[in-house]
Amino acid sequence: MVWVADGTLDACVLLGNRTWDTAAGAVIAREAGALVLDSDATPHSVQSRCAVAVSPGLSEEVMPLLRLLRGSPFWPSHNKADRGRLASPTHIGTEPSSHDFP
């Protein structure tokens, strides 16, 4: 989220986040003028299951992309027992690395 704040990324999507993982980044991104939202486009809060930091002009383009992830293994579960099995965060706008491919 800090990379969105400094302009390195246009958006960052964190799925299955915990408050301690996102609190500082959310504050920094908001102070820099980024929008920090939950997956339903409401303002991010400590109850949010996802964190989306996005440049204000791109929110209408980025938020619909989250619909593609719903129902996938990467989407945060409502079941607390399943939360430990979430995939790592996905960052939109980063270049793929060699570990992204088999």
PDB file of N, CA and C in Angstrom:
ATOM      1  N   MET A   1       0.819  -1.190   0.000  1.00  0.00           N
ATOM      2  CA  MET A   1       0.000   0.000   0.000  1.00  0.00           C
ATOM      3  C   MET A   1       0.862   1.252   0.000  1.00  0.00           C
ATOM      4  N   VAL A   2       2.029   1.152   0.584  1.00  0.00           N
ATOM      5  CA  VAL A   2       2.935   2.294   0.600  1.00  0.00           C
ATOM      6  C   VAL A   2       3.436   2.589  -0.808  1.00  0.00           C
ATOM      7  N   TRP A   3       3.568   1.562  -1.636  1.00  0.00           N
ATOM      8  CA  TRP A   3       3.982   1.794  -3.022  1.00  0.00           C
ATOM      9  C   TRP A   3       2.903   2.542  -3.799  1.00  0.00           C
ATOM     10  N   VAL A   4       1.653   2.363  -3.446  1.00  0.00           N
ATOM     11  CA  VAL A   4       0.589   3.168  -4.051  1.00  0.00           C
ATOM     12  C   VAL A   4       0.723   4.604  -3.558  1.00  0.00           C
ATOM     13  N   ALA A   5       1.027   4.761  -2.281  1.00  0.00           N
ATOM     14  CA  ALA A   5       1.186   6.099  -1.702  1.00  0.00           C
ATOM     15  C   ALA A   5       2.296   6.883  -2.390  1.00  0.00           C
ATOM     16  N   ASP A   6       3.401   6.208  -2.722  1.00  0.00           N
ATOM     17  CA  ASP A   6       4.514   6.954  -3.332  1.00  0.00           C
ATOM     18  C   ASP A   6       4.475   6.949  -4.855  1.00  0.00           C
ATOM     19  N   GLY A   7       3.457   6.321  -5.458  1.00  0.00           N
ATOM     20  CA  GLY A   7       3.308   6.342  -6.903  1.00  0.00           C
ATOM     21  C   GLY A   7       3.993   5.219  -7.641  1.00  0.00           C
ATOM     22  N   THR A   8       4.639   4.287  -6.935  1.00  0.00           N
ATOM     23  CA  THR A   8       5.288   3.161  -7.590  1.00  0.00           C
ATOM     24  C   THR A   8       4.256   2.248  -8.243  1.00  0.00           C
ATOM     25  N   LEU A   9       3.152   2.007  -7.541  1.00  0.00           N
ATOM     26  CA  LEU A   9       2.043   1.211  -8.066  1.00  0.00           C
ATOM     27  C   LEU A   9       0.805   2.077  -8.184  1.00  0.00           C
ATOM     28  N   ASP A  10      -0.075   1.702  -9.093  1.00  0.00           N
ATOM     29  CA  ASP A  10      -1.364   2.375  -9.205  1.00  0.00           C
ATOM     30  C   ASP A  10      -2.389   1.752  -8.276  1.00  0.00           C
ATOM     31  N   ALA A  11      -2.220   0.465  -7.967  1.00  0.00           N
ATOM     32  CA  ALA A  11      -3.160  -0.228  -7.084  1.00  0.00           C
ATOM     33  C   ALA A  11      -2.465  -1.393  -6.404  1.00  0.00           C
ATOM     34  N   CYS A  12      -2.976  -1.745  -5.250  1.00  0.00           N
ATOM     35  CA  CYS A  12      -2.485  -2.886  -4.487  1.00  0.00           C
ATOM     36  C   CYS A  12      -3.697  -3.568  -3.880  1.00  0.00           C
ATOM     37  N   VAL A  13      -3.815  -4.872  -4.079  1.00  0.00           N
ATOM     38  CA  VAL A  13      -4.936  -5.638  -3.533  1.00  0.00           C
ATOM     39  C   VAL A  13      -4.371  -6.683  -2.585  1.00  0.00           C
ATOM     40  N   LEU A  14      -4.805  -6.626  -1.348  1.00  0.00           N
ATOM     41  CA  LEU A  14      -4.400  -7.598  -0.340  1.00  0.00           C
ATOM     42  C   LEU A  14      -5.635  -8.391   0.055  1.00  0.00           C
ATOM     43  N   LEU A  15      -5.573  -9.698  -0.113  1.00  0.00           N
ATOM     44  CA  LEU A  15      -6.712 -10.551   0.207  1.00  0.00           C
ATOM     45  C   LEU A  15      -6.460 -11.278   1.516  1.00  0.00           C
ATOM     46  N   GLY A  16      -7.476 -11.347   2.347  1.00  0.00           N
ATOM     47  CA  GLY A  16      -7.356 -12.070   3.610  1.00  0.00           C
ATOM     48  C   GLY A  16      -6.436 -11.386   4.594  1.00  0.00           C
ATOM     49  N   ASN A  17      -6.463 -10.084   4.606  1.00  0.00           N
ATOM     50  CA  ASN A  17      -5.540  -9.332   5.449  1.00  0.00           C
ATOM     51  C   ASN A  17      -5.923  -9.382   6.922  1.00  0.00           C
ATOM     52  N   ARG A  18      -4.972  -9.075   7.743  1.00  0.00           N
ATOM     53  CA  ARG A  18      -5.165  -8.907   9.181  1.00  0.00           C
ATOM     54  C   ARG A  18      -4.875  -7.440   9.503  1.00  0.00           C
ATOM     55  N   THR A  19      -5.503  -6.939  10.529  1.00  0.00           N
ATOM     56  CA  THR A  19      -5.351  -5.533  10.894  1.00  0.00           C
ATOM     57  C   THR A  19      -3.887  -5.160  11.051  1.00  0.00           C
ATOM     58  N   TRP A  20      -3.109  -5.988  11.731  1.00  0.00           N
ATOM     59  CA  TRP A  20      -1.701  -5.667  11.973  1.00  0.00           C
ATOM     60  C   TRP A  20      -0.876  -5.688  10.688  1.00  0.00           C
ATOM     61  N   ASP A  21      -1.393  -6.308   9.642  1.00  0.00           N
ATOM     62  CA  ASP A  21      -0.690  -6.332   8.361  1.00  0.00           C
ATOM     63  C   ASP A  21      -0.959  -5.092   7.511  1.00  0.00           C
ATOM     64  N   THR A  22      -2.085  -4.413   7.762  1.00  0.00           N
ATOM     65  CA  THR A  22      -2.500  -3.338   6.864  1.00  0.00           C
ATOM     66  C   THR A  22      -2.628  -1.966   7.509  1.00  0.00           C
ATOM     67  N   ALA A  23      -2.643  -1.889   8.832  1.00  0.00           N
ATOM     68  CA  ALA A  23      -2.938  -0.615   9.509  1.00  0.00           C
ATOM     69  C   ALA A  23      -1.981   0.504   9.090  1.00  0.00           C
ATOM     70  N   ALA A  24      -0.698   0.266   9.167  1.00  0.00           N
ATOM     71  CA  ALA A  24       0.266   1.322   8.839  1.00  0.00           C
ATOM     72  C   ALA A  24       0.197   1.704   7.363  1.00  0.00           C
ATOM     73  N   GLY A  25       0.132   0.704   6.485  1.00  0.00           N
ATOM     74  CA  GLY A  25       0.048   0.983   5.057  1.00  0.00           C
ATOM     75  C   GLY A  25      -1.213   1.741   4.683  1.00  0.00           C
ATOM     76  N   ALA A  26      -2.330   1.411   5.349  1.00  0.00           N
ATOM     77  CA  ALA A  26      -3.591   2.104   5.079  1.00  0.00           C
ATOM     78  C   ALA A  26      -3.495   3.581   5.458  1.00  0.00           C
ATOM     79  N   VAL A  27      -2.909   3.855   6.593  1.00  0.00           N
ATOM     80  CA  VAL A  27      -2.758   5.251   7.038  1.00  0.00           C
ATOM     81  C   VAL A  27      -1.862   6.022   6.085  1.00  0.00           C
ATOM     82  N   ILE A  28      -0.744   5.445   5.718  1.00  0.00           N
ATOM     83  CA  ILE A  28       0.202   6.120   4.824  1.00  0.00           C
ATOM     84  C   ILE A  28      -0.445   6.365   3.459  1.00  0.00           C
ATOM     85  N   ALA A  29      -1.129   5.359   2.924  1.00  0.00           N
ATOM     86  CA  ALA A  29      -1.772   5.510   1.613  1.00  0.00           C
ATOM     87  C   ALA A  29      -2.863   6.581   1.658  1.00  0.00           C
ATOM     88  N   ARG A  30      -3.674   6.571   2.704  1.00  0.00           N
ATOM     89  CA  ARG A  30      -4.727   7.587   2.818  1.00  0.00           C
ATOM     90  C   ARG A  30      -4.138   8.991   2.933  1.00  0.00           C
ATOM     91  N   GLU A  31      -3.101   9.137   3.729  1.00  0.00           N
ATOM     92  CA  GLU A  31      -2.466  10.446   3.896  1.00  0.00           C
ATOM     93  C   GLU A  31      -1.886  10.962   2.586  1.00  0.00           C
ATOM     94  N   ALA A  32      -1.485  10.045   1.704  1.00  0.00           N
ATOM     95  CA  ALA A  32      -0.926  10.439   0.411  1.00  0.00           C
ATOM     96  C   ALA A  32      -2.004  10.695  -0.638  1.00  0.00           C
ATOM     97  N   GLY A  33      -3.263  10.437  -0.288  1.00  0.00           N
ATOM     98  CA  GLY A  33      -4.364  10.711  -1.207  1.00  0.00           C
ATOM     99  C   GLY A  33      -4.939   9.495  -1.907  1.00  0.00           C
ATOM    100  N   ALA A  34      -4.434   8.309  -1.599  1.00  0.00           N
ATOM    101  CA  ALA A  34      -4.976   7.090  -2.204  1.00  0.00           C
ATOM    102  C   ALA A  34      -6.289   6.711  -1.516  1.00  0.00           C
ATOM    103  N   LEU A  35      -7.112   5.991  -2.235  1.00  0.00           N
ATOM    104  CA  LEU A  35      -8.307   5.413  -1.635  1.00  0.00           C
ATOM    105  C   LEU A  35      -7.924   4.071  -1.049  1.00  0.00           C
ATOM    106  N   VAL A  36      -8.389   3.773   0.159  1.00  0.00           N
ATOM    107  CA  VAL A  36      -8.155   2.473   0.780  1.00  0.00           C
ATOM    108  C   VAL A  36      -9.530   1.885   1.063  1.00  0.00           C
ATOM    109  N   LEU A  37      -9.845   0.804   0.342  1.00  0.00           N
ATOM    110  CA  LEU A  37     -11.192   0.263   0.327  1.00  0.00           C
ATOM    111  C   LEU A  37     -11.207  -1.217   0.687  1.00  0.00           C
ATOM    112  N   ASP A  38     -12.399  -1.695   1.062  1.00  0.00           N
ATOM    113  CA  ASP A  38     -12.643  -3.129   1.201  1.00  0.00           C
ATOM    114  C   ASP A  38     -13.056  -3.630  -0.179  1.00  0.00           C
ATOM    115  N   SER A  39     -13.228  -4.925  -0.337  1.00  0.00           N
ATOM    116  CA  SER A  39     -13.550  -5.497  -1.644  1.00  0.00           C
ATOM    117  C   SER A  39     -14.891  -5.045  -2.207  1.00  0.00           C
ATOM    118  N   ASP A  40     -15.780  -4.551  -1.351  1.00  0.00           N
ATOM    119  CA  ASP A  40     -17.080  -4.066  -1.830  1.00  0.00           C
ATOM    120  C   ASP A  40     -17.078  -2.560  -2.065  1.00  0.00           C
ATOM    121  N   ALA A  41     -15.915  -1.964  -2.092  1.00  0.00           N
ATOM    122  CA  ALA A  41     -15.694  -0.533  -2.346  1.00  0.00           C
ATOM    123  C   ALA A  41     -16.107   0.371  -1.188  1.00  0.00           C
ATOM    124  N   THR A  42     -16.373  -0.202  -0.025  1.00  0.00           N
ATOM    125  CA  THR A  42     -16.600   0.613   1.170  1.00  0.00           C
ATOM    126  C   THR A  42     -15.235   0.954   1.767  1.00  0.00           C
ATOM    127  N   PRO A  43     -15.155   2.000   2.579  1.00  0.00           N
ATOM    128  CA  PRO A  43     -13.871   2.345   3.193  1.00  0.00           C
ATOM    129  C   PRO A  43     -13.305   1.181   4.016  1.00  0.00           C
ATOM    130  N   HIS A  44     -12.024   0.957   3.879  1.00  0.00           N
ATOM    131  CA  HIS A  44     -11.343  -0.101   4.629  1.00  0.00           C
ATOM    132  C   HIS A  44     -11.424   0.188   6.122  1.00  0.00           C
ATOM    133  N   SER A  45     -11.674  -0.854   6.915  1.00  0.00           N
ATOM    134  CA  SER A  45     -11.727  -0.724   8.370  1.00  0.00           C
ATOM    135  C   SER A  45     -11.048  -1.936   8.997  1.00  0.00           C
ATOM    136  N   VAL A  46     -10.999  -1.974  10.314  1.00  0.00           N
ATOM    137  CA  VAL A  46     -10.368  -3.119  10.990  1.00  0.00           C
ATOM    138  C   VAL A  46     -11.172  -4.402  10.793  1.00  0.00           C
ATOM    139  N   GLN A  47     -12.422  -4.315  10.378  1.00  0.00           N
ATOM    140  CA  GLN A  47     -13.228  -5.503  10.091  1.00  0.00           C
ATOM    141  C   GLN A  47     -13.108  -5.974   8.644  1.00  0.00           C
ATOM    142  N   SER A  48     -12.412  -5.236   7.804  1.00  0.00           N
ATOM    143  CA  SER A  48     -12.291  -5.588   6.387  1.00  0.00           C
ATOM    144  C   SER A  48     -11.515  -6.881   6.206  1.00  0.00           C
ATOM    145  N   ARG A  49     -11.956  -7.691   5.256  1.00  0.00           N
ATOM    146  CA  ARG A  49     -11.238  -8.920   4.926  1.00  0.00           C
ATOM    147  C   ARG A  49     -10.259  -8.704   3.795  1.00  0.00           C
ATOM    148  N   CYS A  50     -10.408  -7.622   3.074  1.00  0.00           N
ATOM    149  CA  CYS A  50      -9.511  -7.286   1.969  1.00  0.00           C
ATOM    150  C   CYS A  50      -9.090  -5.828   2.119  1.00  0.00           C
ATOM    151  N   ALA A  51      -7.981  -5.493   1.535  1.00  0.00           N
ATOM    152  CA  ALA A  51      -7.535  -4.104   1.508  1.00  0.00           C
ATOM    153  C   ALA A  51      -7.141  -3.771   0.080  1.00  0.00           C
ATOM    154  N   VAL A  52      -7.749  -2.724  -0.441  1.00  0.00           N
ATOM    155  CA  VAL A  52      -7.454  -2.276  -1.794  1.00  0.00           C
ATOM    156  C   VAL A  52      -7.003  -0.829  -1.697  1.00  0.00           C
ATOM    157  N   ALA A  53      -5.741  -0.579  -1.995  1.00  0.00           N
ATOM    158  CA  ALA A  53      -5.230   0.789  -2.059  1.00  0.00           C
ATOM    159  C   ALA A  53      -5.126   1.123  -3.534  1.00  0.00           C
ATOM    160  N   VAL A  54      -5.740   2.235  -3.922  1.00  0.00           N
ATOM    161  CA  VAL A  54      -5.807   2.556  -5.343  1.00  0.00           C
ATOM    162  C   VAL A  54      -5.760   4.065  -5.542  1.00  0.00           C
ATOM    163  N   SER A  55      -5.132   4.476  -6.627  1.00  0.00           N
ATOM    164  CA  SER A  55      -5.157   5.881  -7.001  1.00  0.00           C
ATOM    165  C   SER A  55      -6.615   6.262  -7.259  1.00  0.00           C
ATOM    166  N   PRO A  56      -7.061   7.419  -6.791  1.00  0.00           N
ATOM    167  CA  PRO A  56      -8.474   7.788  -6.905  1.00  0.00           C
ATOM    168  C   PRO A  56      -9.058   7.667  -8.305  1.00  0.00           C
ATOM    169  N   GLY A  57      -8.316   7.991  -9.316  1.00  0.00           N
ATOM    170  CA  GLY A  57      -8.835   7.937 -10.672  1.00  0.00           C
ATOM    171  C   GLY A  57      -9.009   6.536 -11.234  1.00  0.00           C
ATOM    172  N   LEU A  58      -8.470   5.535 -10.553  1.00  0.00           N
ATOM    173  CA  LEU A  58      -8.537   4.170 -11.067  1.00  0.00           C
ATOM    174  C   LEU A  58      -9.500   3.264 -10.320  1.00  0.00           C
ATOM    175  N   SER A  59     -10.113   3.748  -9.261  1.00  0.00           N
ATOM    176  CA  SER A  59     -10.943   2.874  -8.441  1.00  0.00           C
ATOM    177  C   SER A  59     -12.089   2.248  -9.229  1.00  0.00           C
ATOM    178  N   GLU A  60     -12.690   2.996 -10.145  1.00  0.00           N
ATOM    179  CA  GLU A  60     -13.804   2.450 -10.919  1.00  0.00           C
ATOM    180  C   GLU A  60     -13.358   1.380 -11.907  1.00  0.00           C
ATOM    181  N   GLU A  61     -12.093   1.358 -12.240  1.00  0.00           N
ATOM    182  CA  GLU A  61     -11.570   0.327 -13.133  1.00  0.00           C
ATOM    183  C   GLU A  61     -11.055  -0.881 -12.365  1.00  0.00           C
ATOM    184  N   VAL A  62     -10.473  -0.659 -11.192  1.00  0.00           N
ATOM    185  CA  VAL A  62      -9.861  -1.740 -10.425  1.00  0.00           C
ATOM    186  C   VAL A  62     -10.891  -2.563  -9.655  1.00  0.00           C
ATOM    187  N   MET A  63     -11.859  -1.912  -9.044  1.00  0.00           N
ATOM    188  CA  MET A  63     -12.794  -2.622  -8.177  1.00  0.00           C
ATOM    189  C   MET A  63     -13.570  -3.729  -8.903  1.00  0.00           C
ATOM    190  N   PRO A  64     -14.018  -3.544 -10.153  1.00  0.00           N
ATOM    191  CA  PRO A  64     -14.707  -4.653 -10.832  1.00  0.00           C
ATOM    192  C   PRO A  64     -13.823  -5.884 -11.048  1.00  0.00           C
ATOM    193  N   LEU A  65     -12.516  -5.702 -11.095  1.00  0.00           N
ATOM    194  CA  LEU A  65     -11.616  -6.839 -11.282  1.00  0.00           C
ATOM    195  C   LEU A  65     -11.684  -7.812 -10.112  1.00  0.00           C
ATOM    196  N   LEU A  66     -12.057  -7.317  -8.943  1.00  0.00           N
ATOM    197  CA  LEU A  66     -12.144  -8.199  -7.779  1.00  0.00           C
ATOM    198  C   LEU A  66     -13.251  -9.241  -7.938  1.00  0.00           C
ATOM    199  N   ARG A  67     -14.242  -8.930  -8.742  1.00  0.00           N
ATOM    200  CA  ARG A  67     -15.312  -9.910  -8.989  1.00  0.00           C
ATOM    201  C   ARG A  67     -14.762 -11.185  -9.615  1.00  0.00           C
ATOM    202  N   LEU A  68     -13.688 -11.068 -10.366  1.00  0.00           N
ATOM    203  CA  LEU A  68     -13.074 -12.238 -10.992  1.00  0.00           C
ATOM    204  C   LEU A  68     -12.477 -13.184  -9.955  1.00  0.00           C
ATOM    205  N   LEU A  69     -12.050 -12.638  -8.825  1.00  0.00           N
ATOM    206  CA  LEU A  69     -11.422 -13.456  -7.793  1.00  0.00           C
ATOM    207  C   LEU A  69     -12.419 -14.130  -6.859  1.00  0.00           C
ATOM    208  N   ARG A  70     -13.623 -13.599  -6.772  1.00  0.00           N
ATOM    209  CA  ARG A  70     -14.619 -14.179  -5.863  1.00  0.00           C
ATOM    210  C   ARG A  70     -14.880 -15.631  -6.234  1.00  0.00           C
ATOM    211  N   GLY A  71     -14.860 -16.481  -5.254  1.00  0.00           N
ATOM    212  CA  GLY A  71     -15.078 -17.909  -5.484  1.00  0.00           C
ATOM    213  C   GLY A  71     -13.813 -18.670  -5.832  1.00  0.00           C
ATOM    214  N   SER A  72     -12.710 -17.957  -6.034  1.00  0.00           N
ATOM    215  CA  SER A  72     -11.446 -18.626  -6.340  1.00  0.00           C
ATOM    216  C   SER A  72     -10.753 -19.001  -5.027  1.00  0.00           C
ATOM    217  N   PRO A  73      -9.726 -19.841  -5.084  1.00  0.00           N
ATOM    218  CA  PRO A  73      -8.996 -20.205  -3.867  1.00  0.00           C
ATOM    219  C   PRO A  73      -8.305 -19.010  -3.204  1.00  0.00           C
ATOM    220  N   PHE A  74      -8.180 -17.900  -3.921  1.00  0.00           N
ATOM    221  CA  PHE A  74      -7.511 -16.734  -3.375  1.00  0.00           C
ATOM    222  C   PHE A  74      -8.441 -15.834  -2.575  1.00  0.00           C
ATOM    223  N   TRP A  75      -9.759 -16.050  -2.694  1.00  0.00           N
ATOM    224  CA  TRP A  75     -10.730 -15.178  -2.035  1.00  0.00           C
ATOM    225  C   TRP A  75     -10.830 -15.516  -0.558  1.00  0.00           C
ATOM    226  N   PRO A  76     -10.844 -14.501   0.336  1.00  0.00           N
ATOM    227  CA  PRO A  76     -10.937 -14.753   1.778  1.00  0.00           C
ATOM    228  C   PRO A  76     -12.218 -15.501   2.136  1.00  0.00           C
ATOM    229  N   SER A  77     -12.075 -16.470   2.992  1.00  0.00           N
ATOM    230  CA  SER A  77     -13.198 -17.293   3.418  1.00  0.00           C
ATOM    231  C   SER A  77     -13.962 -16.633   4.562  1.00  0.00           C
ATOM    232  N   HIS A  78     -15.268 -16.909   4.638  1.00  0.00           N
ATOM    233  CA  HIS A  78     -16.062 -16.477   5.789  1.00  0.00           C
ATOM    234  C   HIS A  78     -15.761 -17.362   6.990  1.00  0.00           C
ATOM    235  N   ASN A  79     -15.287 -18.564   6.727  1.00  0.00           N
ATOM    236  CA  ASN A  79     -15.015 -19.537   7.774  1.00  0.00           C
ATOM    237  C   ASN A  79     -13.644 -19.272   8.379  1.00  0.00           C
ATOM    238  N   LYS A  80     -13.598 -18.957   9.662  1.00  0.00           N
ATOM    239  CA  LYS A  80     -12.325 -18.636  10.309  1.00  0.00           C
ATOM    240  C   LYS A  80     -11.343 -19.795  10.238  1.00  0.00           C
ATOM    241  N   ALA A  81     -11.834 -21.027  10.214  1.00  0.00           N
ATOM    242  CA  ALA A  81     -10.940 -22.184  10.131  1.00  0.00           C
ATOM    243  C   ALA A  81     -10.201 -22.229   8.802  1.00  0.00           C
ATOM    244  N   ASP A  82     -10.793 -21.666   7.747  1.00  0.00           N
ATOM    245  CA  ASP A  82     -10.163 -21.673   6.430  1.00  0.00           C
ATOM    246  C   ASP A  82      -9.188 -20.528   6.228  1.00  0.00           C
ATOM    247  N   ARG A  83      -9.197 -19.538   7.092  1.00  0.00           N
ATOM    248  CA  ARG A  83      -8.390 -18.338   6.861  1.00  0.00           C
ATOM    249  C   ARG A  83      -6.901 -18.614   6.826  1.00  0.00           C
ATOM    250  N   GLY A  84      -6.425 -19.620   7.503  1.00  0.00           N
ATOM    251  CA  GLY A  84      -5.004 -19.946   7.480  1.00  0.00           C
ATOM    252  C   GLY A  84      -4.544 -20.499   6.150  1.00  0.00           C
ATOM    253  N   ARG A  85      -5.496 -20.854   5.272  1.00  0.00           N
ATOM    254  CA  ARG A  85      -5.134 -21.456   3.995  1.00  0.00           C
ATOM    255  C   ARG A  85      -5.203 -20.468   2.848  1.00  0.00           C
ATOM    256  N   LEU A  86      -5.257 -19.200   3.140  1.00  0.00           N
ATOM    257  CA  LEU A  86      -5.337 -18.193   2.086  1.00  0.00           C
ATOM    258  C   LEU A  86      -4.006 -18.063   1.365  1.00  0.00           C
ATOM    259  N   ALA A  87      -4.096 -17.711   0.124  1.00  0.00           N
ATOM    260  CA  ALA A  87      -2.890 -17.467  -0.670  1.00  0.00           C
ATOM    261  C   ALA A  87      -2.250 -16.158  -0.245  1.00  0.00           C
ATOM    262  N   SER A  88      -1.031 -15.950  -0.675  1.00  0.00           N
ATOM    263  CA  SER A  88      -0.350 -14.707  -0.349  1.00  0.00           C
ATOM    264  C   SER A  88      -0.996 -13.547  -1.100  1.00  0.00           C
ATOM    265  N   PRO A  89      -0.764 -12.309  -0.645  1.00  0.00           N
ATOM    266  CA  PRO A  89      -1.375 -11.147  -1.292  1.00  0.00           C
ATOM    267  C   PRO A  89      -1.009 -11.032  -2.760  1.00  0.00           C
ATOM    268  N   THR A  90      -1.905 -10.441  -3.518  1.00  0.00           N
ATOM    269  CA  THR A  90      -1.704 -10.215  -4.940  1.00  0.00           C
ATOM    270  C   THR A  90      -1.555  -8.716  -5.153  1.00  0.00           C
ATOM    271  N   HIS A  91      -0.529  -8.321  -5.861  1.00  0.00           N
ATOM    272  CA  HIS A  91      -0.308  -6.900  -6.132  1.00  0.00           C
ATOM    273  C   HIS A  91      -0.561  -6.645  -7.601  1.00  0.00           C
ATOM    274  N   ILE A  92      -1.520  -5.795  -7.899  1.00  0.00           N
ATOM    275  CA  ILE A  92      -1.811  -5.430  -9.274  1.00  0.00           C
ATOM    276  C   ILE A  92      -0.809  -4.370  -9.702  1.00  0.00           C
ATOM    277  N   GLY A  93      -0.218  -4.558 -10.841  1.00  0.00           N
ATOM    278  CA  GLY A  93       0.704  -3.563 -11.374  1.00  0.00           C
ATOM    279  C   GLY A  93       2.157  -3.957 -11.241  1.00  0.00           C
ATOM    280  N   THR A  94       2.445  -5.102 -10.613  1.00  0.00           N
ATOM    281  CA  THR A  94       3.836  -5.519 -10.507  1.00  0.00           C
ATOM    282  C   THR A  94       4.171  -6.438 -11.669  1.00  0.00           C
ATOM    283  N   GLU A  95       5.403  -6.493 -12.030  1.00  0.00           N
ATOM    284  CA  GLU A  95       5.856  -7.382 -13.073  1.00  0.00           C
ATOM    285  C   GLU A  95       5.908  -8.801 -12.522  1.00  0.00           C
ATOM    286  N   PRO A  96       5.556  -9.817 -13.318  1.00  0.00           N
ATOM    287  CA  PRO A  96       5.647 -11.198 -12.839  1.00  0.00           C
ATOM    288  C   PRO A  96       7.100 -11.556 -12.569  1.00  0.00           C
ATOM    289  N   SER A  97       7.303 -12.363 -11.568  1.00  0.00           N
ATOM    290  CA  SER A  97       8.663 -12.826 -11.269  1.00  0.00           C
ATOM    291  C   SER A  97       8.785 -14.294 -11.666  1.00  0.00           C
ATOM    292  N   SER A  98       9.977 -14.831 -11.600  1.00  0.00           N
ATOM    293  CA  SER A  98      10.211 -16.203 -12.024  1.00  0.00           C
ATOM    294  C   SER A  98       9.463 -17.204 -11.154  1.00  0.00           C
ATOM    295  N   HIS A  99       9.163 -16.866  -9.892  1.00  0.00           N
ATOM    296  CA  HIS A  99       8.437 -17.811  -9.042  1.00  0.00           C
ATOM    297  C   HIS A  99       6.939 -17.841  -9.317  1.00  0.00           C
ATOM    298  N   ASP A 100       6.439 -16.978 -10.223  1.00  0.00           N
ATOM    299  CA  ASP A 100       5.029 -16.973 -10.589  1.00  0.00           C
ATOM    300  C   ASP A 100       4.692 -18.062 -11.602  1.00  0.00           C
ATOM    301  N   PHE A 101       5.707 -18.666 -12.217  1.00  0.00           N
ATOM    302  CA  PHE A 101       5.485 -19.656 -13.262  1.00  0.00           C
ATOM    303  C   PHE A 101       6.153 -20.968 -12.884  1.00  0.00           C
ATOM    304  N   PRO A 102       5.522 -22.103 -13.290  1.00  0.00           N
ATOM    305  CA  PRO A 102       6.123 -23.411 -12.953  1.00  0.00           C
ATOM    306  C   PRO A 102       7.423 -23.658 -13.663  1.00  0.00           C
TER     307      PRO A 102
END
